[in-house]
C-alpha cells in the first residue's frame, strides 16, 4: 500500500529529474507551467538572475476565455499565446519548457503548441 508520503517523494523525484535534464540547455530562461485546482499559471524565469521576466495566469481579469472554466485545454492554449507575446515583448525568443514533472499531454501539450505558434522556440 502506497501512503501519501511515498507519493510526494515520487512526485518530487520526477520534478527534480525533469529540472536536472533542463540544465543542459545553457542559460536559456525557463518557461514554467503550473496547475492549481482553479487556474493555470505560466512564467518565464531567468535562473541566473533569479528574476521573473514574464508572468501570465488565467486568474487575470482581462484573460479572454470562451467558456466557464479557466483550467481546461482551451484556457491553456490561450495562456500559451499570452505568455508568448509577453515574453517576446521582453526580448525573449528561446526558452526551455519546465513541465514540473508532469506528462507532456493534454493541457501542457496545448499550452506548448500555442506558445510555439506565437514564436517561442523550445
Protein backbone atom coordinates (compact mmCIF):
# COMPACT_ATOMS: atom_id res chain seq x y z
CA UNK A 1 0.00 0.00 0.00
CA UNK A 2 1.38 3.38 -1.01
CA UNK A 3 0.89 6.12 1.51
CA UNK A 4 0.80 9.86 0.95
CA UNK A 5 4.47 10.41 1.82
CA UNK A 6 5.64 7.94 -0.82
CA UNK A 7 3.51 9.69 -3.46
CA UNK A 8 5.05 13.04 -2.55
CA UNK A 9 8.55 11.59 -2.63
CA UNK A 10 7.96 10.10 -6.07
CA UNK A 11 6.45 13.35 -7.36
CA UNK A 12 9.44 15.33 -6.09
CA UNK A 13 11.82 12.87 -7.75
CA UNK A 14 10.04 13.30 -11.09
CA UNK A 15 10.16 17.07 -10.72
CA UNK A 16 13.87 17.12 -9.86
CA UNK A 17 14.68 14.70 -12.69
CA UNK A 18 12.92 16.98 -15.18
CA UNK A 19 14.73 20.06 -13.83
CA UNK A 20 18.10 18.24 -14.00
CA UNK A 21 17.56 17.46 -17.68
CA UNK A 22 16.87 21.15 -18.34
CA UNK A 23 20.30 22.21 -17.07
CA UNK A 24 21.92 21.06 -20.32
CA UNK A 25 20.29 23.86 -22.32
CA UNK A 26 22.72 26.53 -21.18
CA UNK A 27 21.47 29.85 -19.94
CA UNK A 28 18.05 29.95 -21.57
CA UNK A 29 15.19 31.16 -19.39
CA UNK A 30 12.72 28.56 -18.15
CA UNK A 31 9.07 28.58 -19.18
CA UNK A 32 7.38 27.20 -16.07
CA UNK A 33 3.84 25.80 -16.29
CA UNK A 34 1.85 25.21 -13.09
CA UNK A 35 -1.67 23.98 -12.44
CA UNK A 36 -3.87 24.68 -9.44
CA UNK A 37 -7.36 23.45 -8.75
CA UNK A 38 -8.86 26.64 -10.22
CA UNK A 39 -6.31 28.28 -12.52
CA UNK A 40 -3.32 27.77 -14.79
CA UNK A 41 -0.12 29.75 -14.28
CA UNK A 42 2.85 30.33 -16.58
CA UNK A 43 6.00 32.34 -16.05
CA UNK A 44 9.34 32.86 -17.74
CA UNK A 45 12.14 32.75 -15.15
CA UNK A 46 15.79 33.73 -15.56
CA UNK A 47 17.68 31.46 -13.15
CA UNK A 48 20.99 33.30 -13.47
CA UNK A 49 19.49 36.50 -12.05
CA UNK A 50 16.71 34.82 -10.07
CA UNK A 51 14.00 37.03 -11.60
CA UNK A 52 10.69 36.51 -13.33
CA UNK A 53 10.74 38.02 -16.83
CA UNK A 54 7.12 37.42 -17.86
CA UNK A 55 4.08 36.18 -15.99
CA UNK A 56 0.55 35.19 -17.02
CA UNK A 57 -2.32 33.42 -15.34
CA UNK A 58 -5.90 32.54 -16.14
CA UNK A 59 -6.99 34.36 -12.96
CA UNK A 60 -6.37 37.76 -14.57
CA UNK A 61 -9.43 39.92 -15.12
CA UNK A 62 -8.60 40.64 -18.77
CA UNK A 63 -7.97 36.97 -19.62
CA UNK A 64 -10.23 36.01 -22.52
CA UNK A 65 -11.82 32.62 -22.06
CA UNK A 66 -14.65 31.23 -24.18
CA UNK A 67 -16.36 29.08 -21.55
CA UNK A 68 -16.79 29.00 -17.81
CA UNK A 69 -13.68 27.00 -16.95
CA UNK A 70 -10.31 28.69 -16.62
CA UNK A 71 -8.35 25.46 -16.36
CA UNK A 72 -9.27 23.42 -19.44
CA UNK A 73 -7.27 22.85 -22.63
CA UNK A 74 -8.73 25.89 -24.40
CA UNK A 75 -7.68 28.12 -21.49
CA UNK A 76 -4.23 26.51 -21.59
CA UNK A 77 -3.82 27.35 -25.28
CA UNK A 78 -4.91 30.96 -24.67
CA UNK A 79 -2.42 31.14 -21.79
CA UNK A 80 0.33 29.88 -24.09
CA UNK A 81 -0.41 32.64 -26.59
CA UNK A 82 -0.48 35.27 -23.85
CA UNK A 83 2.81 34.25 -22.23
CA UNK A 84 4.48 34.02 -25.64
CA UNK A 85 3.52 37.59 -26.55
CA UNK A 86 4.64 38.89 -23.15
CA UNK A 87 7.97 37.08 -23.43
CA UNK A 88 8.50 38.38 -26.97
CA UNK A 89 7.79 41.92 -25.72
CA UNK A 90 10.59 41.48 -23.17
CA UNK A 91 13.01 40.25 -25.85
CA UNK A 92 12.88 36.52 -25.12
CA UNK A 93 12.76 34.21 -28.14
CA UNK A 94 14.23 30.92 -26.88
CA UNK A 95 13.15 29.23 -23.68
CA UNK A 96 13.13 25.75 -22.17
CA UNK A 97 9.85 24.23 -21.04
CA UNK A 98 9.76 23.22 -17.38
CA UNK A 99 6.74 20.98 -17.03
CA UNK A 100 7.47 20.28 -13.34
CA UNK A 101 7.46 16.51 -13.73
CA UNK A 102 4.03 16.37 -15.38
CA UNK A 103 3.45 14.31 -18.51
CA UNK A 104 3.55 16.21 -21.82
CA UNK A 105 -0.10 15.60 -22.60
CA UNK A 106 -3.40 17.45 -22.55
CA UNK A 107 -3.17 20.93 -21.05
CA UNK A 108 0.62 21.07 -21.16
CA UNK A 109 0.73 19.98 -24.79
CA UNK A 110 -1.88 22.52 -25.88
CA UNK A 111 -0.10 25.24 -23.87
CA UNK A 112 3.23 24.43 -25.52
CA UNK A 113 1.82 24.25 -29.05
CA UNK A 114 0.12 27.64 -28.67
CA UNK A 115 3.34 29.19 -27.37
CA UNK A 116 5.25 27.74 -30.33
CA UNK A 117 2.68 29.16 -32.76
CA UNK A 118 3.28 32.65 -31.35
CA UNK A 119 7.02 32.37 -31.90
CA UNK A 120 8.68 30.93 -28.80
CA UNK A 121 11.35 28.32 -29.53
CA UNK A 122 11.85 25.32 -27.26
